[in-house]
Amino acid sequence: MKFRSTSIAVLAAVPLALAGCAGGPGAAPAPAPKPSAPSAEAVAWTGKMCGLISGFSASQQNLPEIDRSNTAAVKDSVINRIDAATRSADDTARGLQDLGAPPVAGAEQLGDGFQASFTQVRDLLSGARAKAEQVDPTDKQRFQEGMTAVQQELDKGGQLNLQDELTQLEQNQQLNAAARKSPECQPLLGGPQPPR
């Protein structure tokens, strides 16, 4: 079973993505014996974790629109998009922190890894917001330069990925089995998404 690539954000028409999440090249793991049925606790914990991750991705599809009526409106609406995405990343990181100890051996690093990734996304977005605040909408050239700096900050999101965490989830037989039984994990399950 493979976990689907997870798109993280589209801000100011710039993708902020957790790239290459699943389906990358690599040696196929050796077949392992079929694990026993996951406990209800494992299914619930894994479902909460998946729900937080897929909830963040879904929230990025509903960010405020960019108002292109004038440069001041563009600046304000870009800041509003960044603020919405930052709140969502922060909520996701805190939700992952609040999951508590996993009921499955070897899963501690997984929750911590996801939490660290979303904390990194939040911090990156905060840096982009700081740059957006400095954009001067009264001068066309300075406005363009400022928005380019915001875009470059958001482009750093392309360097973030969840490959290690998704690999751990796939390789932990108990968590993998729990994910297959959890409705919240279904959006993350399946083969790689088609190219964008």
Protein backbone atom coordinates (compact mmCIF):
# COMPACT_ATOMS: atom_id res chain seq x y z
CA MET A 1 0.00 0.00 0.00
CA LYS A 2 1.26 3.47 -0.85
CA PHE A 3 0.23 6.79 0.65
CA ARG A 4 -0.83 9.53 -1.71
CA SER A 5 1.24 12.66 -2.20
CA THR A 6 0.03 15.38 0.14
CA SER A 7 -0.33 18.88 -1.26
CA ILE A 8 0.23 21.44 1.46
CA ALA A 9 -0.75 24.91 0.25
CA VAL A 10 -1.34 27.13 -2.70
CA LEU A 11 -0.69 30.73 -1.71
CA ALA A 12 -0.63 33.78 -3.92
CA ALA A 13 -0.81 31.42 -6.92
CA VAL A 14 2.40 29.73 -5.72
CA PRO A 15 2.35 26.08 -4.61
CA LEU A 16 3.70 25.32 -1.18
CA ALA A 17 3.89 21.55 -1.45
CA LEU A 18 5.17 18.57 0.41
CA ALA A 19 6.71 17.09 -2.71
CA GLY A 20 7.50 13.50 -3.54
CA CYS A 21 5.55 12.01 -0.69
CA ALA A 22 5.02 8.58 -2.16
CA GLY A 23 5.89 6.55 -5.15
CA GLY A 24 9.50 7.69 -5.47
CA PRO A 25 12.24 5.34 -6.67
CA GLY A 26 13.72 2.95 -4.19
CA ALA A 27 14.09 -0.68 -3.36
CA ALA A 28 10.86 -2.49 -2.69
CA PRO A 29 10.69 -3.82 0.85
CA ALA A 30 10.72 -7.57 1.27
CA PRO A 31 7.27 -9.05 1.84
CA ALA A 32 6.53 -9.41 5.52
CA PRO A 33 4.19 -11.75 7.31
CA LYS A 34 0.63 -10.51 7.51
CA PRO A 35 0.17 -8.50 10.74
CA SER A 36 -2.55 -9.28 13.22
CA ALA A 37 -5.65 -7.11 13.17
CA PRO A 38 -4.94 -3.64 14.58
CA SER A 39 -6.36 -2.68 17.94
CA ALA A 40 -9.21 -0.17 18.18
CA GLU A 41 -6.79 2.20 19.92
CA ALA A 42 -4.30 1.95 17.04
CA VAL A 43 -7.05 2.61 14.47
CA ALA A 44 -8.32 5.62 16.47
CA TRP A 45 -4.82 7.13 16.98
CA THR A 46 -3.84 6.60 13.33
CA GLY A 47 -7.20 8.00 12.19
CA LYS A 48 -6.72 11.17 14.23
CA MET A 49 -3.23 11.61 12.79
CA CYS A 50 -4.45 11.09 9.20
CA GLY A 51 -7.42 13.39 9.83
CA LEU A 52 -5.13 16.21 10.91
CA ILE A 53 -2.90 15.81 7.85
CA SER A 54 -5.68 15.47 5.29
CA GLY A 55 -7.65 18.23 7.06
CA PHE A 56 -4.74 20.60 6.53
CA SER A 57 -4.54 19.70 2.84
CA ALA A 58 -8.30 20.20 2.44
CA SER A 59 -8.13 23.59 4.17
CA GLN A 60 -5.59 24.77 1.60
CA GLN A 61 -8.16 24.27 -1.15
CA ASN A 62 -10.45 26.82 0.57
CA LEU A 63 -8.06 29.70 1.20
CA PRO A 64 -9.42 33.23 0.64
CA GLU A 65 -9.36 34.39 -2.98
CA ILE A 66 -6.82 36.93 -4.22
CA ASP A 67 -8.45 40.33 -4.83
CA ARG A 68 -6.71 41.66 -7.93
CA SER A 69 -8.62 44.95 -8.12
CA ASN A 70 -5.54 46.98 -7.12
CA THR A 71 -2.09 46.46 -5.59
CA ALA A 72 -3.21 47.28 -2.03
CA ALA A 73 -6.02 44.72 -2.34
CA VAL A 74 -3.61 42.11 -3.71
CA LYS A 75 -1.24 42.68 -0.78
CA ASP A 76 -4.06 42.44 1.79
CA SER A 77 -5.57 39.32 0.23
CA VAL A 78 -2.17 37.59 -0.03
CA ILE A 79 -1.62 38.31 3.68
CA ASN A 80 -5.10 36.92 4.43
CA ARG A 81 -4.26 33.71 2.52
CA ILE A 82 -0.96 33.33 4.33
CA ASP A 83 -2.67 33.97 7.70
CA ALA A 84 -5.32 31.30 6.99
CA ALA A 85 -2.69 28.76 5.94
CA THR A 86 -0.51 29.63 8.96
CA ARG A 87 -3.42 29.10 11.37
CA SER A 88 -4.17 25.76 9.74
CA ALA A 89 -0.52 24.64 9.90
CA ASP A 90 -0.32 25.70 13.55
CA ASP A 91 -3.57 23.90 14.39
CA THR A 92 -2.26 20.77 12.65
CA ALA A 93 1.09 20.89 14.48
CA ARG A 94 -0.66 21.38 17.84
CA GLY A 95 -3.17 18.64 17.06
CA LEU A 96 -0.33 16.25 16.27
CA GLN A 97 1.40 17.22 19.51
CA ASP A 98 -1.81 16.57 21.44
CA LEU A 99 -2.22 13.06 19.99
CA GLY A 100 -0.22 11.68 22.87
CA ALA A 101 1.76 8.48 22.93
CA PRO A 102 0.83 6.11 20.11
CA PRO A 103 -0.56 2.69 21.08
CA VAL A 104 1.77 1.07 18.52
CA ALA A 105 5.45 0.30 19.10
CA GLY A 106 7.80 2.29 16.89
CA ALA A 107 5.28 5.04 16.08
CA GLU A 108 6.66 7.72 18.40
CA GLN A 109 9.02 9.13 15.76
CA LEU A 110 6.23 9.24 13.21
CA GLY A 111 4.01 11.62 15.17
CA ASP A 112 7.01 13.75 16.11
CA GLY A 113 8.16 13.86 12.47
CA PHE A 114 4.78 14.99 11.18
CA GLN A 115 4.56 17.59 13.95
CA ALA A 116 8.02 18.95 13.10
CA SER A 117 7.09 19.16 9.41
CA PHE A 118 3.95 21.19 10.07
CA THR A 119 5.83 23.42 12.51
CA GLN A 120 8.32 24.03 9.70
CA VAL A 121 5.46 24.89 7.30
CA ARG A 122 4.01 27.32 9.86
CA ASP A 123 7.39 29.00 10.35
CA LEU A 124 7.95 29.28 6.60
CA LEU A 125 4.53 30.88 6.19
CA SER A 126 5.30 33.32 9.01
CA GLY A 127 8.46 34.35 7.15
CA ALA A 128 6.45 34.86 3.95
CA ARG A 129 3.93 36.98 5.85
CA ALA A 130 6.69 39.19 7.24
CA LYS A 131 7.91 39.80 3.68
CA ALA A 132 4.35 40.47 2.49
CA GLU A 133 3.89 43.08 5.22
CA GLN A 134 6.88 44.99 3.82
CA VAL A 135 5.51 45.12 0.26
CA ASP A 136 4.90 48.70 -0.93
CA PRO A 137 1.66 48.78 -2.95
CA THR A 138 2.11 52.45 -3.94
CA ASP A 139 5.02 51.85 -6.33
CA LYS A 140 4.56 49.31 -9.12
CA GLN A 141 8.21 48.25 -9.31
CA ARG A 142 8.66 47.95 -5.54
CA PHE A 143 5.35 46.10 -5.34
CA GLN A 144 6.53 43.61 -7.98
CA GLU A 145 9.89 43.15 -6.23
CA GLY A 146 8.19 42.67 -2.87
CA MET A 147 5.75 40.08 -4.21
CA THR A 148 8.64 38.26 -5.88
CA ALA A 149 10.36 38.06 -2.47
CA VAL A 150 7.15 36.65 -0.96
CA GLN A 151 6.94 34.09 -3.76
CA GLN A 152 10.57 33.07 -3.22
CA GLU A 153 9.84 32.52 0.48
CA LEU A 154 6.81 30.37 -0.40
CA ASP A 155 8.85 28.45 -2.98
CA LYS A 156 10.95 27.11 -0.10
CA GLY A 157 7.93 24.97 0.68
CA GLY A 158 8.81 22.81 -2.30
CA GLN A 159 11.82 21.61 -0.32
CA LEU A 160 9.62 20.24 2.46
CA ASN A 161 8.32 16.71 2.20
CA LEU A 162 6.79 13.96 4.27
CA GLN A 163 8.63 11.11 2.53
CA ASP A 164 10.36 9.83 5.68
CA GLU A 165 7.16 9.92 7.73
CA LEU A 166 5.07 8.23 5.02
CA THR A 167 7.73 5.57 4.59
CA GLN A 168 7.66 4.91 8.35
CA LEU A 169 3.87 4.67 8.22
CA GLU A 170 4.02 2.21 5.34
CA GLN A 171 6.72 0.08 6.96
CA ASN A 172 5.14 -0.15 10.42
CA GLN A 173 2.83 -3.12 9.87
CA GLN A 174 0.50 -2.30 12.75
CA LEU A 175 0.12 1.36 11.76
CA ASN A 176 -0.29 0.42 8.12
CA ALA A 177 -3.07 -2.02 9.02
CA ALA A 178 -4.67 0.60 11.30
CA ALA A 179 -4.55 3.17 8.48
CA ARG A 180 -6.34 0.78 6.13
CA LYS A 181 -9.14 0.40 8.69
CA SER A 182 -9.43 4.11 9.46
CA PRO A 183 -11.89 6.20 7.38
CA GLU A 184 -9.82 9.34 8.10
CA CYS A 185 -6.80 7.76 6.36
CA GLN A 186 -8.63 6.95 3.13
CA PRO A 187 -7.80 10.34 1.48
CA LEU A 188 -4.10 9.56 1.98
CA LEU A 189 -4.28 5.99 0.68
CA GLY A 190 -3.75 4.91 -2.88
CA GLY A 191 -1.16 5.30 -5.58
CA PRO A 192 0.66 8.51 -6.46
CA GLN A 193 -1.52 11.35 -7.69
CA PRO A 194 -1.37 12.23 -11.36
CA PRO A 195 1.25 14.86 -12.31
CA ARG A 196 0.13 18.46 -11.89
